[in-house]
Amino acid sequence: MIAGPRLVTGLVVLALVLAAAAVLLGVATWQAQVDEADDADLAGRYGVILAAATAETEAFVNIRYDRAEESIEAVAEGATGDFAEQYDQSTEGVLTVLEENRSVMEGEVVWIGVVDADDDSATVLAATTGTVANAQTDDEPVARAFRLRLELVLVDGRWLTSDLQFVA
């Protein structure tokens, strides 16, 4: 028995629909893999940005008069641009104040997050907690919490802080 023209047409249409579905499924699978790779790249970049911002923030909130040069160098190591210049210019005054007041500031990052990022710049917000002890506190630690906004830029493969501001 020979198939009628309607049956042949129906089979051709069915084959075309199945082929189109296979193509769409293939494209969707490929797009999902591309999106997953992009997500992994983004997560990796955010991880590196957050690590750099955490290191700079912790260097900034951990400063001691008895290790002043070391404390200042830790901040300078992660700085670049205007922030590096401003920090370098204020170093002498900072050393004097630290030593005169026997200042010890200790802290840690309790929360940090990327607000915005692209391939070579990022904005990060950080929250810290810690203590400050100095001559004015009779060398007794007093609780301090800071909120900071850091602007980072990618320089020779390293994320460095180009601006650091206190925020409310």
Protein backbone atom coordinates (compact mmCIF):
# COMPACT_ATOMS: atom_id res chain seq x y z
CA MET A 1 0.00 0.00 0.00
CA ILE A 2 1.38 3.39 -1.00
CA ALA A 3 1.11 6.32 1.40
CA GLY A 4 -1.17 9.12 0.40
CA PRO A 5 -0.01 12.69 -0.21
CA ARG A 6 -1.54 13.84 3.10
CA LEU A 7 0.46 11.27 5.05
CA VAL A 8 3.70 12.25 3.29
CA THR A 9 3.01 15.94 3.90
CA GLY A 10 2.26 15.21 7.56
CA LEU A 11 5.49 13.24 7.98
CA VAL A 12 7.54 16.01 6.32
CA VAL A 13 5.94 18.63 8.59
CA LEU A 14 6.59 16.42 11.64
CA ALA A 15 10.23 15.94 10.59
CA LEU A 16 10.65 19.72 10.14
CA VAL A 17 9.09 20.44 13.55
CA LEU A 18 11.37 17.86 15.20
CA ALA A 19 14.42 19.29 13.41
CA ALA A 20 13.49 22.83 14.50
CA ALA A 21 12.98 21.63 18.09
CA ALA A 22 16.39 19.93 18.02
CA VAL A 23 18.04 23.14 16.75
CA LEU A 24 16.29 25.25 19.41
CA LEU A 25 17.29 22.78 22.13
CA GLY A 26 20.88 22.86 20.88
CA VAL A 27 20.96 26.67 20.87
CA ALA A 28 19.43 26.80 24.37
CA THR A 29 21.99 24.29 25.67
CA TRP A 30 24.87 26.24 24.09
CA GLN A 31 23.55 29.53 25.54
CA ALA A 32 23.24 27.96 29.00
CA GLN A 33 26.87 26.81 28.79
CA VAL A 34 28.01 30.28 27.69
CA ASP A 35 26.01 31.88 30.52
CA GLU A 36 27.50 29.43 33.03
CA ALA A 37 31.02 30.21 31.82
CA ASP A 38 30.29 33.96 32.02
CA ASP A 39 28.94 33.50 35.56
CA ALA A 40 32.06 31.56 36.55
CA ASP A 41 34.30 34.30 35.09
CA LEU A 42 32.31 36.99 36.90
CA ALA A 43 32.41 35.07 40.19
CA GLY A 44 36.16 34.60 39.82
CA ARG A 45 36.70 38.30 39.06
CA TYR A 46 34.50 39.31 42.02
CA GLY A 47 36.47 36.96 44.26
CA VAL A 48 39.76 38.60 43.29
CA ILE A 49 38.26 42.09 43.68
CA LEU A 50 36.86 41.24 47.11
CA ALA A 51 40.16 39.74 48.27
CA ALA A 52 42.05 42.90 47.23
CA ALA A 53 39.46 45.20 48.84
CA THR A 54 39.45 43.12 52.05
CA ALA A 55 43.24 43.26 52.28
CA GLU A 56 43.28 47.04 51.75
CA THR A 57 40.45 47.65 54.22
CA GLU A 58 42.08 45.51 56.90
CA ALA A 59 45.41 47.24 56.34
CA PHE A 60 43.62 50.58 56.71
CA VAL A 61 41.86 49.68 59.99
CA ASN A 62 44.86 47.95 61.58
CA ILE A 63 47.49 50.52 62.38
CA ARG A 64 49.82 50.64 65.37
CA TYR A 65 52.19 53.29 66.64
CA ASP A 66 54.76 50.64 67.61
CA ARG A 67 54.75 49.22 64.06
CA ALA A 68 53.81 52.40 62.24
CA GLU A 69 56.08 51.97 59.22
CA GLU A 70 54.83 48.41 58.69
CA SER A 71 51.20 49.51 59.08
CA ILE A 72 51.59 52.36 56.61
CA GLU A 73 53.43 50.18 54.11
CA ALA A 74 50.57 47.63 54.20
CA VAL A 75 48.12 50.32 53.08
CA ALA A 76 50.53 51.76 50.49
CA GLU A 77 51.07 48.30 49.00
CA GLY A 78 47.44 48.15 47.86
CA ALA A 79 47.11 51.79 46.80
CA THR A 80 47.45 53.52 43.44
CA GLY A 81 46.74 56.84 41.77
CA ASP A 82 45.36 59.75 43.78
CA PHE A 83 44.82 57.63 46.87
CA ALA A 84 48.45 56.47 46.87
CA GLU A 85 49.67 60.05 46.43
CA GLN A 86 47.42 61.44 49.18
CA TYR A 87 48.33 58.64 51.54
CA ASP A 88 52.05 59.08 50.83
CA GLN A 89 51.81 62.85 51.44
CA SER A 90 50.08 62.34 54.79
CA THR A 91 52.44 59.61 56.02
CA GLU A 92 54.76 61.89 57.97
CA GLY A 93 51.87 63.52 59.82
CA VAL A 94 50.25 60.15 60.48
CA LEU A 95 53.48 58.79 61.98
CA THR A 96 53.74 61.78 64.30
CA VAL A 97 50.13 61.53 65.48
CA LEU A 98 50.38 57.76 65.97
CA GLU A 99 53.48 58.02 68.11
CA GLU A 100 52.39 61.06 70.12
CA ASN A 101 49.08 59.42 70.98
CA ARG A 102 50.34 55.81 71.24
CA SER A 103 47.49 54.90 68.89
CA VAL A 104 46.56 51.30 68.25
CA MET A 105 43.65 50.65 65.91
CA GLU A 106 42.61 47.06 65.37
CA GLY A 107 39.74 45.89 63.23
CA GLU A 108 38.35 43.40 60.79
CA VAL A 109 36.01 43.36 57.84
CA VAL A 110 32.58 42.05 58.85
CA TRP A 111 30.87 42.60 55.49
CA ILE A 112 32.10 43.45 52.02
CA GLY A 113 30.40 43.56 48.66
CA VAL A 114 30.96 44.61 45.08
CA VAL A 115 28.59 47.42 44.11
CA ASP A 116 29.75 47.73 40.51
CA ALA A 117 32.51 46.21 38.41
CA ASP A 118 33.72 46.00 34.86
CA ASP A 119 36.88 44.61 33.31
CA ASP A 120 39.25 47.14 34.88
CA SER A 121 37.45 49.00 37.69
CA ALA A 122 35.21 48.22 40.64
CA THR A 123 33.38 49.89 43.50
CA VAL A 124 33.27 48.02 46.80
CA LEU A 125 31.55 48.77 50.10
CA ALA A 126 33.04 47.42 53.32
CA ALA A 127 31.88 47.38 56.93
CA THR A 128 34.41 46.97 59.72
CA THR A 129 34.38 46.54 63.46
CA GLY A 130 37.22 46.97 65.88
CA THR A 131 38.77 49.11 68.59
CA VAL A 132 40.94 52.16 68.99
CA ALA A 133 43.19 52.69 72.00
CA ASN A 134 45.30 55.80 72.49
CA ALA A 135 46.31 58.47 74.98
CA GLN A 136 42.83 60.03 74.86
CA THR A 137 41.21 56.70 75.84
CA ASP A 138 43.82 56.09 78.59
CA ASP A 139 45.08 53.25 76.38
CA GLU A 140 41.78 51.42 76.86
CA PRO A 141 40.26 49.98 73.67
CA VAL A 142 37.10 51.77 72.54
CA ALA A 143 34.77 50.17 70.00
CA ARG A 144 34.88 51.60 66.49
CA ALA A 145 32.96 50.65 63.36
CA PHE A 146 33.67 52.08 59.94
CA ARG A 147 31.88 51.93 56.61
CA LEU A 148 34.13 52.46 53.64
CA ARG A 149 33.73 52.84 49.90
CA LEU A 150 36.71 51.71 47.87
CA GLU A 151 37.31 52.38 44.20
CA LEU A 152 39.61 49.78 42.70
CA VAL A 153 41.36 49.65 39.34
CA LEU A 154 43.19 46.84 37.61
CA VAL A 155 46.88 47.74 37.29
CA ASP A 156 49.29 45.24 35.76
CA GLY A 157 47.06 42.34 36.78
CA ARG A 158 46.49 43.57 40.36
CA TRP A 159 43.40 45.21 41.81
CA LEU A 160 44.57 48.34 43.64
CA THR A 161 42.66 50.98 45.57
CA SER A 162 42.49 54.32 43.77
CA ASP A 163 40.10 55.95 46.25
CA LEU A 164 38.94 55.19 49.79
CA GLN A 165 36.18 57.17 51.49
CA PHE A 166 34.30 56.90 54.76
CA VAL A 167 30.55 56.56 54.21
CA ALA A 168 27.59 56.72 56.57
